[in-house]
Protein backbone atom coordinates (compact mmCIF):
# COMPACT_ATOMS: atom_id res chain seq x y z
CA MET A 1 94.03 8.57 65.88
CA VAL A 2 92.29 11.96 65.93
CA HIS A 3 91.28 11.55 62.30
CA GLU A 4 89.77 8.13 62.98
CA ALA A 5 87.86 9.40 66.02
CA ARG A 6 86.54 12.35 64.05
CA LYS A 7 85.50 10.06 61.22
CA ARG A 8 83.77 7.67 63.61
CA TYR A 9 82.07 10.16 65.93
CA GLY A 10 81.90 13.24 63.71
CA ASN A 11 78.26 12.75 62.76
CA TYR A 12 77.24 12.33 66.40
CA ILE A 13 79.10 15.47 67.38
CA LEU A 14 77.85 17.55 64.47
CA THR A 15 74.22 16.54 65.07
CA PHE A 16 74.61 17.17 68.79
CA LEU A 17 75.93 20.68 68.13
CA VAL A 18 73.06 21.50 65.77
CA MET A 19 70.47 20.15 68.22
CA ALA A 20 72.18 21.97 71.09
CA VAL A 21 71.87 25.24 69.17
CA ASN A 22 68.16 24.56 68.61
CA VAL A 23 67.59 23.75 72.28
CA LEU A 24 69.56 26.81 73.37
CA LEU A 25 67.56 29.10 71.08
CA LEU A 26 64.28 27.58 72.26
CA GLY A 27 65.33 28.00 75.88
CA ILE A 28 66.31 31.63 75.34
CA CYS A 29 63.20 32.58 73.38
CA PHE A 30 60.55 30.59 75.26
CA ASP A 31 59.63 28.70 78.41
CA PHE A 32 58.71 25.03 78.22
CA TYR A 33 55.19 24.23 79.44
CA TYR A 34 53.06 21.18 79.94
CA ASP A 35 50.46 21.75 77.26
CA LEU A 36 47.45 20.39 79.14
CA ASN A 37 46.42 19.67 82.69
CA ASP A 38 46.70 15.94 81.88
CA ASP A 39 50.49 16.11 81.90
CA THR A 40 50.39 18.36 84.96
CA MET A 41 48.33 15.80 86.86
CA MET A 42 50.64 12.99 85.76
CA HIS A 43 53.62 14.99 86.96
CA ASP A 44 52.01 15.73 90.31
CA ILE A 45 51.21 12.06 90.88
CA MET A 46 54.68 10.80 90.00
CA ALA A 47 56.41 13.67 91.82
CA GLY A 48 54.47 13.08 95.05
CA ILE A 49 52.61 16.40 94.98
CA TYR A 50 49.25 14.69 94.66
CA THR A 51 49.32 12.25 97.57
CA GLY A 52 52.56 13.24 99.28
CA THR A 53 54.43 10.15 98.01
CA PRO A 54 55.72 9.60 94.43
CA ASP A 55 53.55 6.98 92.75
CA GLY A 56 53.58 5.33 89.32
CA HIS A 57 49.79 4.83 89.13
CA ASN A 58 49.06 7.85 86.92
CA MET A 59 46.46 6.03 84.73
CA GLN A 60 47.87 7.43 81.49
CA THR A 61 51.30 5.83 81.08
CA LEU A 62 51.77 2.12 81.63
CA TYR A 63 52.95 1.33 85.13
CA PRO A 64 56.57 0.30 84.33
CA LEU A 65 57.36 3.76 82.96
CA GLY A 66 55.39 5.52 85.67
CA ALA A 67 57.16 3.49 88.36
CA VAL A 68 60.60 4.37 86.96
CA LEU A 69 59.81 8.08 86.93
CA ALA A 70 58.27 7.90 90.41
CA PHE A 71 61.42 6.15 91.64
CA CYS A 72 63.51 8.99 90.19
CA TYR A 73 61.39 11.47 92.13
CA ARG A 74 61.92 9.44 95.26
CA LEU A 75 65.66 9.85 94.75
CA CYS A 76 65.42 13.62 94.27
CA ARG A 77 62.17 15.55 94.08
CA GLN A 78 63.84 18.80 93.03
CA ILE A 79 64.82 17.46 89.61
CA PRO A 80 61.98 17.73 87.03
CA TRP A 81 62.31 14.13 85.88
CA TYR A 82 59.09 13.92 83.90
CA GLY A 83 59.75 17.13 82.00
CA LEU A 84 63.31 16.04 81.28
CA PHE A 85 62.06 12.67 80.08
CA LEU A 86 59.58 14.22 77.61
CA CYS A 87 62.20 16.63 76.29
CA LEU A 88 64.74 13.83 75.97
CA CYS A 89 62.25 11.77 73.96
CA GLN A 90 61.38 14.59 71.58
CA PHE A 91 64.81 16.08 71.01
CA GLY A 92 66.35 12.62 71.18
CA CYS A 93 64.23 11.45 68.24
CA PHE A 94 65.35 14.39 66.15
CA TYR A 95 68.94 13.73 67.20
CA LEU A 96 68.81 10.08 66.11
CA VAL A 97 67.23 11.03 62.79
CA GLY A 98 69.88 13.70 62.30
CA VAL A 99 72.70 11.21 62.91
CA ARG A 100 71.13 8.81 60.44
CA LEU A 101 70.87 11.56 57.81
CA CYS A 102 74.54 12.42 58.32
CA ASN A 103 75.52 8.76 57.98
CA LEU A 104 73.56 8.59 54.73
CA ALA A 105 75.26 11.74 53.49
CA ASP A 106 78.64 10.11 53.99
CA ASN A 107 77.70 7.49 51.41
CA ALA A 108 75.32 9.53 49.30
CA PHE A 109 75.90 10.25 45.63
CA PHE A 110 72.66 12.11 45.04
CA LEU A 111 72.68 15.86 45.55
CA ALA A 112 76.47 15.94 45.31
CA GLY A 113 77.64 13.57 42.64
CA THR A 114 80.76 12.64 44.60
CA GLN A 115 81.68 9.63 46.64
CA SER A 116 81.92 9.32 50.40
CA GLY A 117 84.39 11.73 51.89
CA GLY A 118 84.19 14.13 48.93
CA LYS A 119 84.24 17.89 49.29
CA PHE A 120 80.44 18.04 49.25
CA SER A 121 79.92 15.62 52.12
CA GLY A 122 80.10 18.27 54.84
CA TRP A 123 77.61 20.65 53.33
CA LYS A 124 75.24 17.80 52.57
CA LYS A 125 75.11 17.01 56.28
CA LEU A 126 74.53 20.64 57.17
CA LEU A 127 71.81 20.82 54.53
CA PHE A 128 70.05 17.80 56.02
CA LEU A 129 70.34 19.12 59.58
CA LEU A 130 69.22 22.59 58.54
CA THR A 131 66.15 21.14 56.83
CA MET A 132 65.39 19.09 59.93
CA SER A 133 65.72 22.23 62.08
CA LEU A 134 63.41 24.14 59.76
CA TYR A 135 60.85 21.36 60.14
CA LEU A 136 61.17 21.68 63.91
CA TRP A 137 60.68 25.46 63.89
CA GLY A 138 58.31 25.81 60.96
CA VAL A 139 55.97 22.90 61.66
CA CYS A 140 56.41 21.36 65.11
CA LEU A 141 57.48 24.37 67.20
CA PRO A 142 54.32 24.68 69.35
CA HIS A 143 54.61 21.02 70.37
CA PHE A 144 58.26 21.40 71.34
CA ILE A 145 57.38 24.31 73.63
CA ASN A 146 53.99 23.20 74.95
CA ILE A 147 54.80 19.55 75.46
CA GLN A 148 52.12 16.88 75.55
CA TYR A 149 52.72 13.19 76.08
CA THR A 150 50.51 12.09 73.17
CA ILE A 151 52.59 14.14 70.72
CA THR A 152 55.77 12.81 72.31
CA CYS A 153 54.56 9.25 71.75
CA ALA A 154 53.97 10.02 68.06
CA MET A 155 57.47 11.45 67.70
CA LEU A 156 58.90 8.25 69.15
CA SER A 157 56.85 6.22 66.69
CA ALA A 158 57.91 8.43 63.78
CA GLY A 159 61.56 8.16 64.77
CA ALA A 160 61.30 4.37 64.99
CA ILE A 161 59.82 4.17 61.49
CA PHE A 162 62.48 6.38 59.92
CA LEU A 163 65.36 4.60 61.62
CA PHE A 164 64.03 1.18 60.67
CA LEU A 165 63.50 1.96 56.99
CA THR A 166 66.91 3.62 56.62
CA SER A 167 69.05 1.10 58.51
CA ARG A 168 71.70 -0.94 56.73
CA GLU A 169 70.77 -3.40 54.00
CA ARG A 170 71.84 -6.97 53.28
CA THR A 171 72.99 -7.90 56.76
CA GLY A 172 72.64 -11.18 58.61
CA ALA A 173 69.83 -11.82 61.08
CA GLY A 174 71.97 -10.95 64.11
CA GLN A 175 73.33 -7.71 62.68
CA PHE A 176 69.89 -6.76 61.35
CA PHE A 177 68.45 -7.11 64.86
CA VAL A 178 71.28 -5.08 66.42
CA ASP A 179 70.91 -2.32 63.83
CA ASN A 180 67.20 -1.99 64.65
CA ILE A 181 67.45 -2.04 68.45
CA PRO A 182 66.93 1.77 68.52
CA SER A 183 63.64 1.38 66.64
CA ILE A 184 62.50 -1.39 68.99
CA LEU A 185 63.31 0.68 72.08
CA LEU A 186 61.54 3.76 70.70
CA VAL A 187 58.38 1.73 70.06
CA LEU A 188 58.46 0.18 73.54
CA VAL A 189 58.92 3.56 75.22
CA ALA A 190 56.14 5.04 73.09
CA TYR A 191 53.82 2.18 74.02
CA GLN A 192 54.41 2.78 77.70
CA LEU A 193 54.02 6.53 77.37
CA ARG A 194 50.71 6.52 75.49
CA SER A 195 49.63 3.05 74.44
CA GLU A 196 46.49 4.20 72.60
CA MET A 197 48.47 6.59 70.40
CA LEU A 198 51.14 4.00 69.64
CA LEU A 199 48.46 1.50 68.60
CA LEU A 200 46.86 4.15 66.39
CA THR A 201 50.19 4.64 64.60
CA PHE A 202 51.01 0.93 64.51
CA PRO A 203 49.54 0.47 61.00
CA PHE A 204 52.26 2.83 59.76
CA ILE A 205 54.87 0.82 61.66
CA GLY A 206 53.50 -2.30 60.01
CA LEU A 207 53.76 -0.67 56.60
CA ALA A 208 57.40 0.16 57.26
CA GLY A 209 58.12 -3.51 57.95
CA LEU A 210 56.09 -4.65 54.93
CA TYR A 211 57.80 -2.22 52.56
CA ARG A 212 61.25 -3.28 53.58
CA MET A 213 60.53 -6.99 53.69
CA ALA A 214 58.87 -6.92 50.24
CA GLU A 215 62.10 -5.57 48.75
CA GLU A 216 64.13 -8.53 49.96
CA GLU A 217 65.51 -10.84 47.28
CA LYS A 218 63.80 -13.84 48.87
CA VAL A 219 60.86 -12.64 50.92
CA PHE A 220 59.93 -16.00 52.44
CA ALA A 221 63.44 -17.36 52.89
CA LYS A 222 64.28 -18.64 56.35
CA GLU A 223 66.89 -15.95 56.94
CA THR A 224 64.47 -13.19 55.92
CA LEU A 225 61.74 -14.49 58.19
CA CYS A 226 64.23 -14.75 61.08
CA ARG A 227 65.43 -11.20 60.58
CA TYR A 228 62.02 -9.57 60.57
CA GLY A 229 60.48 -12.04 62.98
CA ALA A 230 63.12 -11.27 65.59
CA VAL A 231 62.45 -7.53 65.37
CA LEU A 232 58.66 -7.83 65.36
CA GLY A 233 58.66 -10.57 68.00
CA THR A 234 60.84 -8.56 70.35
CA MET A 235 58.67 -5.51 69.82
CA LEU A 236 55.39 -7.33 70.46
CA GLY A 237 56.88 -9.39 73.31
CA GLY A 238 58.12 -6.25 75.03
CA MET A 239 54.72 -4.61 74.62
CA LEU A 240 53.01 -7.68 76.06
CA LEU A 241 55.39 -7.76 79.03
CA CYS A 242 54.73 -4.09 79.77
CA LEU A 243 51.00 -4.75 79.57
CA VAL A 244 51.23 -7.71 81.96
CA VAL A 245 53.20 -5.66 84.51
CA ASP A 246 50.69 -2.83 84.16
CA TYR A 247 47.78 -5.22 84.66
CA ALA A 248 49.38 -6.60 87.79
CA ALA A 249 50.06 -3.12 89.17
CA TYR A 250 46.38 -2.20 88.76
CA GLY A 251 45.18 -5.64 89.86
CA SER A 252 43.62 -4.72 93.19
CA PRO A 253 39.79 -4.60 93.37
CA ALA A 254 39.87 -0.84 94.01
CA TRP A 255 41.97 -0.14 90.92
CA LYS A 256 39.95 -2.52 88.76
CA ASP A 257 36.74 -0.76 89.76
CA PHE A 258 38.27 2.61 89.07
CA ARG A 259 39.54 1.51 85.67
CA ASP A 260 35.98 0.56 84.74
CA PHE A 261 34.85 3.95 86.04
CA PHE A 262 37.64 5.62 84.05
CA ASP A 263 36.66 3.86 80.81
CA ASP A 264 32.98 4.69 81.26
CA ARG A 265 33.83 8.32 82.01
CA THR A 266 35.92 8.44 78.82
CA THR A 267 33.04 6.99 76.80
CA VAL A 268 30.56 9.56 78.08
CA TYR A 269 32.76 12.66 78.10
CA ASP A 270 34.93 12.02 75.04
CA PHE A 271 32.62 10.25 72.60
CA TYR A 272 29.03 10.93 73.69
CA GLN A 273 29.30 14.28 75.40
CA GLU A 274 25.97 15.36 73.97
CA LEU A 275 24.31 13.06 76.51
CA ILE A 276 25.21 15.43 79.33
CA THR A 277 25.59 18.74 77.49
CA GLU A 278 22.45 18.85 75.33
CA GLU A 279 19.11 19.58 76.96
CA ALA A 280 17.41 17.19 74.54
CA TYR A 281 18.67 14.28 76.65
CA GLY A 282 17.50 15.74 79.96
CA GLU A 283 14.35 13.62 80.04
CA ALA A 284 16.29 10.47 79.17
CA LEU A 285 18.73 11.17 81.99
CA THR A 286 15.85 11.65 84.39
CA GLU A 287 14.45 8.26 83.39
CA LEU A 288 17.89 6.80 84.09
CA GLY A 289 17.66 8.20 87.63
CA VAL A 290 19.91 11.21 87.06
CA GLY A 291 18.33 14.21 88.71
CA LEU A 292 18.76 17.77 87.46
CA PRO A 293 21.37 18.69 90.12
CA GLN A 294 23.39 15.62 89.15
CA GLN A 295 23.08 16.54 85.47
CA ILE A 296 24.51 19.94 86.28
CA LEU A 297 27.42 18.38 88.20
CA LEU A 298 28.17 16.14 85.23
CA ARG A 299 28.00 19.11 82.90
CA ASN A 300 30.41 21.28 84.86
CA TYR A 301 32.69 18.33 85.73
CA ASN A 302 32.24 18.81 89.49
CA PHE A 303 30.87 15.27 89.88
CA GLY A 304 33.30 14.69 92.75
CA LEU A 305 30.75 16.42 94.98
CA ASP A 306 28.30 13.54 94.58
CA ASP A 307 29.31 10.18 96.08
CA LYS A 308 26.53 8.46 94.13
CA ILE A 309 28.28 9.15 90.83
CA ASP A 310 30.35 5.98 90.91
CA GLY A 311 31.25 3.16 88.55
CA ALA A 312 27.76 1.69 88.35
CA PHE A 313 26.30 5.16 87.77
CA LEU A 314 28.63 6.04 84.89
CA GLY A 315 28.41 2.49 83.56
CA GLY A 316 24.68 2.97 83.07
CA LEU A 317 25.23 6.25 81.25
CA ALA A 318 27.92 4.72 79.04
CA ASP A 319 25.69 1.77 78.11
CA TYR A 320 22.83 4.11 77.27
CA ALA A 321 25.13 6.27 75.15
CA VAL A 322 26.55 3.32 73.18
CA TYR A 323 23.40 1.26 72.70
CA THR A 324 20.87 4.07 72.32
CA ILE A 325 22.55 7.21 71.01
CA GLY A 326 25.19 5.30 69.08
CA GLU A 327 22.75 2.94 67.38
CA SER A 328 20.31 5.75 66.54
CA LYS A 329 22.87 7.65 64.49
CA ASP A 330 22.57 7.65 60.72
CA TRP A 331 26.02 6.24 60.05
CA GLY A 332 25.57 6.63 56.30
CA ASP A 333 25.05 10.39 56.53
CA LEU A 334 27.82 10.61 59.10
CA LEU A 335 30.19 8.72 56.80
CA ARG A 336 29.45 11.06 53.89
CA GLU A 337 29.95 14.07 56.13
CA GLN A 338 33.26 12.82 57.47
CA ILE A 339 34.51 11.91 54.00
CA GLY A 340 33.93 15.53 53.03
CA ARG A 341 35.85 16.75 56.06
CA TYR A 342 38.64 14.29 55.32
CA LEU A 343 38.98 15.51 51.73
CA TYR A 344 38.93 19.10 52.95
CA ARG A 345 41.85 18.39 55.26
CA ILE A 346 43.84 16.93 52.36
CA PHE A 347 43.22 19.39 49.56
CA ARG A 348 42.28 22.60 51.34
CA GLY A 349 44.99 22.65 53.96
CA GLY A 350 42.63 22.08 56.85
CA ASP A 351 45.56 21.43 59.18
CA GLY A 352 47.89 24.15 58.01
CA SER A 353 51.54 23.36 57.49
CA TYR A 354 51.11 19.71 58.58
CA SER A 355 48.88 18.77 55.64
CA LEU A 356 50.96 20.83 53.21
CA VAL A 357 54.20 19.14 54.23
CA VAL A 358 52.63 15.68 53.95
CA LEU A 359 51.30 16.53 50.47
CA TRP A 360 54.80 17.67 49.55
CA ALA A 361 56.18 14.35 50.80
CA TYR A 362 53.75 12.33 48.66
CA MET A 363 54.62 14.40 45.63
CA THR A 364 58.33 14.05 46.29
CA VAL A 365 58.16 10.26 46.55
CA LEU A 366 56.29 10.07 43.22
CA VAL A 367 58.50 12.60 41.41
CA VAL A 368 61.76 11.06 42.61
CA GLY A 369 60.47 7.57 41.87
CA PHE A 370 59.49 8.42 38.30
CA CYS A 371 62.72 10.32 37.74
CA MET A 372 64.65 7.27 38.86
CA ILE A 373 62.84 5.11 36.34
CA ARG A 374 63.34 7.60 33.48
CA SER A 375 67.01 8.07 34.32
CA SER A 376 67.64 4.29 33.99
CA THR A 377 69.16 4.42 30.51
CA PRO A 378 70.73 1.26 29.08
CA GLY A 379 74.18 2.56 29.97
CA ASN A 380 73.64 3.24 33.63
CA GLN A 381 71.21 0.33 33.84
CA LYS A 382 74.17 -1.99 33.41
CA GLU A 383 75.95 -0.16 36.18
CA GLN A 384 72.91 -0.49 38.41
CA ASP A 385 72.63 -4.21 37.71
CA GLN A 386 76.23 -4.60 38.77
CA VAL A 387 75.58 -2.77 42.00
CA LEU A 388 72.50 -4.89 42.53
CA GLN A 389 74.54 -8.00 41.69
CA GLY A 390 72.43 -8.64 38.58
CA LYS A 391 69.31 -9.60 40.55
CA THR A 392 65.99 -9.17 38.80
CA TYR A 393 64.44 -7.85 41.98
CA GLY A 394 66.36 -4.63 41.28
CA LYS A 395 63.91 -3.80 38.51
CA VAL A 396 60.95 -4.60 40.74
CA ARG A 397 62.40 -2.43 43.49
CA ARG A 398 62.49 0.63 41.23
CA PHE A 399 58.71 0.38 40.74
CA ALA A 400 57.91 -0.51 44.36
CA PHE A 401 57.16 3.09 45.30
CA LEU A 402 53.94 2.97 43.23
CA TRP A 403 52.14 0.27 45.21
CA GLN A 404 53.69 1.54 48.41
CA VAL A 405 52.21 5.02 47.93
CA VAL A 406 48.81 3.57 47.03
CA LEU A 407 48.83 1.28 50.07
CA LEU A 408 49.94 4.09 52.37
CA ALA A 409 47.14 6.33 51.08
CA ALA A 410 44.62 3.54 51.74
CA VAL A 411 45.91 2.86 55.25
CA ARG A 412 46.07 6.51 56.24
CA THR A 413 42.52 6.96 54.93
CA ALA A 414 41.32 4.07 57.10
CA VAL A 415 43.05 5.48 60.18
CA TRP A 416 41.71 8.98 59.58
CA MET A 417 38.16 7.78 58.97
CA PHE A 418 38.38 5.78 62.19
CA ILE A 419 39.11 8.85 64.28
CA LEU A 420 36.71 11.08 62.35
CA MET A 421 33.81 8.65 62.67
CA ARG A 422 34.42 8.43 66.41
CA GLY A 423 34.11 12.22 66.59
CA ARG A 424 37.37 12.57 68.45
CA GLU A 425 40.09 14.45 66.53
CA PRO A 426 41.93 16.98 68.74
CA GLU A 427 45.16 18.44 67.37
CA ARG A 428 47.29 16.25 69.58
CA ILE A 429 45.95 13.26 67.63
CA THR A 430 45.75 14.71 64.11
CA HIS A 431 49.16 16.38 64.28
CA SER A 432 50.60 13.14 65.60
CA LEU A 433 49.30 11.25 62.58
CA TYR A 434 50.81 13.80 60.23
CA MET A 435 54.20 13.49 61.92
CA VAL A 436 54.23 9.71 61.64
CA GLU A 437 53.06 9.76 58.03
CA PHE A 438 55.69 12.34 57.09
CA ALA A 439 58.43 10.24 58.68
CA LEU A 440 57.32 7.19 56.68
CA LEU A 441 57.22 9.15 53.42
CA ALA A 442 60.63 10.69 54.09
CA ALA A 443 62.08 7.24 54.69
CA MET A 444 60.43 5.96 51.51
CA CYS A 445 62.10 8.75 49.55
CA VAL A 446 65.47 7.80 51.03
CA ARG A 447 64.93 4.17 50.08
CA ILE A 448 64.16 5.13 46.49
CA LEU A 449 67.57 6.79 46.36
CA LYS A 450 69.22 4.06 48.39
CA GLY A 451 70.64 0.97 46.69
CA GLN A 452 70.67 -2.59 47.87
CA SER A 453 74.46 -2.71 48.13
CA GLY A 454 74.31 -2.03 51.82
CA GLU A 455 76.95 0.69 51.54
CA GLY A 456 74.77 3.73 51.23
CA ILE A 457 72.79 5.59 48.61
CA VAL A 458 73.43 4.40 45.09
CA SER A 459 74.01 6.90 42.29
CA VAL A 460 70.70 7.17 40.50
CA PHE A 461 71.21 10.64 39.07
CA SER A 462 74.44 12.16 37.89
CA TRP A 463 75.21 15.78 38.73
CA GLN A 464 73.99 16.92 35.35
CA THR A 465 70.71 14.99 35.13
CA ALA A 466 67.32 16.59 35.20
CA GLY A 467 66.36 14.23 37.99
CA ASN A 468 68.95 15.80 40.25
CA CYS A 469 67.51 19.23 39.52
CA VAL A 470 64.07 17.94 40.45
CA ILE A 471 65.39 16.87 43.86
CA TYR A 472 66.77 20.35 44.42
CA VAL A 473 63.46 21.90 43.43
CA MET A 474 61.52 19.65 45.83
CA ALA A 475 64.01 20.39 48.63
CA ALA A 476 63.61 24.13 47.96
CA VAL A 477 59.82 23.78 48.12
CA LEU A 478 60.08 22.06 51.50
CA CYS A 479 62.33 24.83 52.80
CA LEU A 480 59.85 27.45 51.60
CA LEU A 481 56.97 25.63 53.28
CA THR A 482 58.81 25.36 56.59
CA ILE A 483 60.42 28.81 56.52
CA GLY A 484 57.01 30.34 55.94
CA GLY A 485 55.77 28.67 59.11
CA VAL A 486 58.63 29.78 61.36
CA THR A 487 57.39 33.35 61.76
CA ASP A 488 53.80 32.29 62.28
CA ASN A 489 54.82 29.70 64.88
CA VAL A 490 57.06 32.11 66.78
CA VAL A 491 54.34 34.76 66.89
CA TRP A 492 51.73 32.22 68.01
CA VAL A 493 53.93 30.69 70.70
CA ARG A 494 54.86 34.10 72.11
CA ALA A 495 51.21 35.14 72.33
CA ASP A 496 50.32 31.79 73.89
CA GLN A 497 53.11 32.12 76.45
CA GLU A 498 51.95 35.59 77.44
CA TRP A 499 48.45 34.21 77.96
CA ARG A 500 49.74 31.26 79.97
CA GLU A 501 51.85 33.52 82.15
CA GLN A 502 48.87 35.73 82.86
CA VAL A 503 46.55 32.81 83.65
CA ASN A 504 49.14 30.98 85.72
CA GLY A 505 49.64 34.02 87.91
CA SER A 506 46.36 33.16 89.59
CA TRP A 507 47.41 29.54 90.01
CA HIS A 508 50.58 30.57 91.82
CA GLU A 509 48.49 32.70 94.16
CA ILE A 510 46.04 29.86 94.79
CA ASP A 511 48.86 27.39 95.41
CA ALA A 512 50.57 29.76 97.83
CA TYR A 513 47.30 30.53 99.63
CA CYS A 514 46.38 26.87 100.13
CA ARG A 515 49.85 25.92 101.33
CA ALA A 516 49.77 28.82 103.77
CA HIS A 517 46.61 27.32 105.28
CA LYS A 518 47.64 23.69 105.63
CA GLU A 519 45.02 23.13 108.31
CA ASN A 520 42.33 23.29 105.60
CA PHE A 521 41.55 21.37 102.43
CA TYR A 522 40.33 23.15 99.30
CA PHE A 523 38.16 21.84 96.46
CA GLU A 524 38.52 23.73 93.18
CA ASP A 525 35.73 24.30 90.70
CA VAL A 526 36.95 22.51 87.55
CA TYR A 527 36.18 25.18 84.97
CA SER A 528 37.75 27.84 87.19
CA THR A 529 41.12 26.10 87.12
CA VAL A 530 41.18 23.95 83.95
CA ALA A 531 43.23 26.51 81.99
CA PHE A 532 46.19 26.40 84.36
CA SER A 533 49.43 24.92 83.02
CA HIS A 534 52.84 24.52 84.60
CA LYS A 535 56.36 25.11 83.41
CA LEU A 536 58.45 22.00 82.94
CA PHE A 537 61.46 23.50 84.64
CA GLY A 538 59.93 26.15 86.88
CA GLN A 539 60.34 26.21 90.64
CA ARG A 540 57.61 24.21 92.36
CA ASP A 541 56.94 23.05 95.85
CA THR A 542 56.94 19.26 95.48
CA THR A 543 55.40 18.53 98.88
CA TYR A 544 51.78 17.42 99.32
CA ALA A 545 49.23 19.91 97.94
CA ASN A 546 46.15 20.35 100.14
CA TYR A 547 43.79 21.04 97.23
CA ASP A 548 42.23 19.20 94.30
CA ILE A 549 39.66 19.78 91.58
CA LEU A 550 36.14 18.48 92.17
CA GLY A 551 36.24 16.34 89.02
CA GLY A 552 38.64 15.03 86.44
CA TRP A 553 40.10 11.70 85.46
CA MET A 554 41.68 10.89 88.86
CA CYS A 555 38.55 11.73 90.83
CA LYS A 556 37.18 8.67 92.70
CA SER A 557 40.46 6.78 92.22
CA PRO A 558 42.37 5.02 95.04
CA LEU A 559 44.93 7.84 94.89
CA TYR A 560 42.12 10.39 95.19
CA ASP A 561 40.85 8.58 98.28
CA GLU A 562 44.38 8.48 99.65
CA LYS A 563 44.80 12.19 99.04
CA LEU A 564 41.56 13.09 100.83
CA GLY A 565 42.32 10.53 103.52
CA ARG A 566 45.18 12.69 104.79
CA TYR A 567 42.47 15.07 106.01
CA GLY A 568 40.11 12.35 107.13
CA ILE A 569 37.69 13.04 104.27
CA ILE A 570 35.65 9.93 103.51
CA SER A 571 32.56 11.44 101.89
CA VAL A 572 32.83 14.84 100.19
CA SER A 573 29.08 15.36 99.94
CA GLU A 574 28.45 14.54 103.61
CA GLU A 575 31.39 16.41 105.08
CA LEU A 576 31.65 19.55 102.94
CA PHE A 577 28.81 21.32 104.78
CA ARG A 578 29.55 19.82 108.21
CA ARG A 579 33.22 20.64 108.63
CA ASP A 580 34.74 24.08 108.96
CA ASP A 581 38.09 23.12 107.39
CA LEU A 582 36.75 22.28 103.91
CA TYR A 583 36.35 25.04 101.31
CA VAL A 584 35.53 25.57 97.63
CA ILE A 585 37.57 27.86 95.35
CA MET A 586 35.84 29.44 92.36
CA SER A 587 36.67 32.25 89.96
CA ASP A 588 34.57 35.40 89.80
CA GLY A 589 33.98 34.77 86.09
CA GLU A 590 32.52 31.31 86.64
CA LEU A 591 30.53 32.61 89.60
CA ALA A 592 28.95 35.23 87.34
CA ASN A 593 28.13 32.59 84.71
CA ARG A 594 26.88 29.76 86.91
CA GLY A 595 26.57 31.06 90.42
CA MET A 596 26.62 28.58 93.29
CA ASP A 597 23.31 26.95 92.50
CA TRP A 598 25.12 23.75 91.52
CA VAL A 599 25.99 23.39 95.22
CA THR A 600 22.78 24.60 96.86
CA ASP A 601 20.50 22.75 94.42
CA TYR A 602 22.41 19.51 94.91
CA TYR A 603 21.97 19.60 98.68
CA GLY A 604 18.44 20.98 98.35
CA GLU A 605 17.35 17.88 96.43
CA GLN A 606 18.43 15.85 99.48
CA GLY A 607 16.44 18.06 101.81
CA ILE A 608 19.50 19.85 103.19
CA MET A 609 19.24 23.64 103.01
CA VAL A 610 22.70 25.20 102.71
CA VAL A 611 24.15 28.58 101.83
CA VAL A 612 27.53 29.30 100.27
CA GLU A 613 29.40 32.09 102.04
CA GLN A 614 32.54 33.83 100.87
CA ALA A 615 35.32 33.29 103.41
CA ASP A 616 38.31 34.90 101.68
CA ARG A 617 39.67 36.16 98.36
CA ILE A 618 42.69 35.19 96.28
CA ASP A 619 44.45 37.30 93.66
CA GLY A 620 41.47 39.57 93.14
CA GLU A 621 39.78 37.13 90.74
CA TYR A 622 39.14 34.09 92.91
CA ALA A 623 37.19 33.59 96.09
CA VAL A 624 37.19 30.97 98.85
CA TYR A 625 33.73 29.75 99.81
CA GLN A 626 32.39 27.74 102.71
CA VAL A 627 29.22 25.66 102.58
CA VAL A 628 27.17 25.98 105.76
CA VAL A 629 23.72 24.80 106.83
CA LYS A 630 21.05 27.48 107.04
């Protein structure tokens, strides 16, 4: 009984122990942070810190996921549900991949040359799990410590691809669907977490399905179409259902208007930022009715001060940006420029260890594929044909890696050129693409070594063959690439954490100060507070926070109005200088750079003469200001 249980659950236990060691070491060496203020804002909304009540309308995740997390916070606000969810997604993906690798090792002949249960089976599993851990520490470490929901979405997508391509072969439609339920669920969760990122990686998901379906004996047979149609249909149907629920949740006129505002803000700030940052467009903005004080508010993100900057206002700017700036660009020159940057990323290591590891994966797929072909001597060819039940598609399958690699290179080029031409390629997007591509290549390599018998990995190389030595060499190269990055990542993360701790000290003081003066409401200058980040599992007061930034992606939203409504604030611009319980918080550094002219000039254009007086100080580097009429 014990032997059977160990045989059945041993891989789950072993992988859990290895992942537990990784998590324990990470927890001892570092603190887990939300990487950007986006995740912090999402947390505050769902936890009830933003409006006082947990809410699923966080604008970034689809509503079903946001509602579930908000409900968890309603049950117990002291548990960091959102942080736990992101960690579970990331470490859970690695856990599922680790279990799959151990299951493959049980049936693998390559690397060991022995059958399932042989003396090499245990160390093969440890080798796989060690390599996976090295990838975590040597490549992905910063994203496991400074967690960002876009990266988490990509990990879910990558995990789904790997699990799908390495699931059991030659099963019936029902069993095929059951085997791929984990992949379906990972895709659906990823779509709800960050739909734009999941859609960006969906071409790779489609390639995974195409590669596997093309290797079927009868591609267009009814059973084949049922198998793959059920998986794809469930995936797309689930995505559509989530989208319908999300649409209904944001179906009120107020939310619809804000979503238009949100999209126009994204267009201006993310894709045509030069419109508001470059002085060359100052005259054009003036012709559009945007005065200089408003241009300054747009530039420093404090547009929440001006009630006139609404959906219609930003809609006009977005239309001008798209139809004037966009159409005036020389797309030919831009294309040539971005092709150069794309090639630089590939061959010059423009993205560090990510691009190097992906290049290694391409090389490994080609080397292993060619070695498999060369090792197919007449003697072992007969053996292979027996394993493949004499089907001619076995020969085709051995050459499939060639067109698969070419097609993958073409698709990844199209995806990369899409993001480069849009001028929007932050690391959270580029690193995500590398992760997904690496997962697909790793699964392709497994499939080259994996036979169609449905029992595991077929013996392609004997222990003595040169091909087997090549695999060892490629594995050693991967270990060297990842080991070399461990030290660099640890040093970088430690320096980053010291900086975050120093910066966040001021945030803790500001938070404590504002909560100690609950009779007032405080507006924060955006650039003075944009660098703050929060620990996933640190102690936080989860009650309503009586402060907010003067701009950002939730500004002007129904939740923003609800938040200000607790203090009876209907119009920021009209009430900031009239009431004595409204204040502005700004850092000394930003005050030295920009002063308070962005406030006085804005009111001065309306014929209201105001002065900004310092009312208090916080943490020695921040001051509390009150706007009063002269």
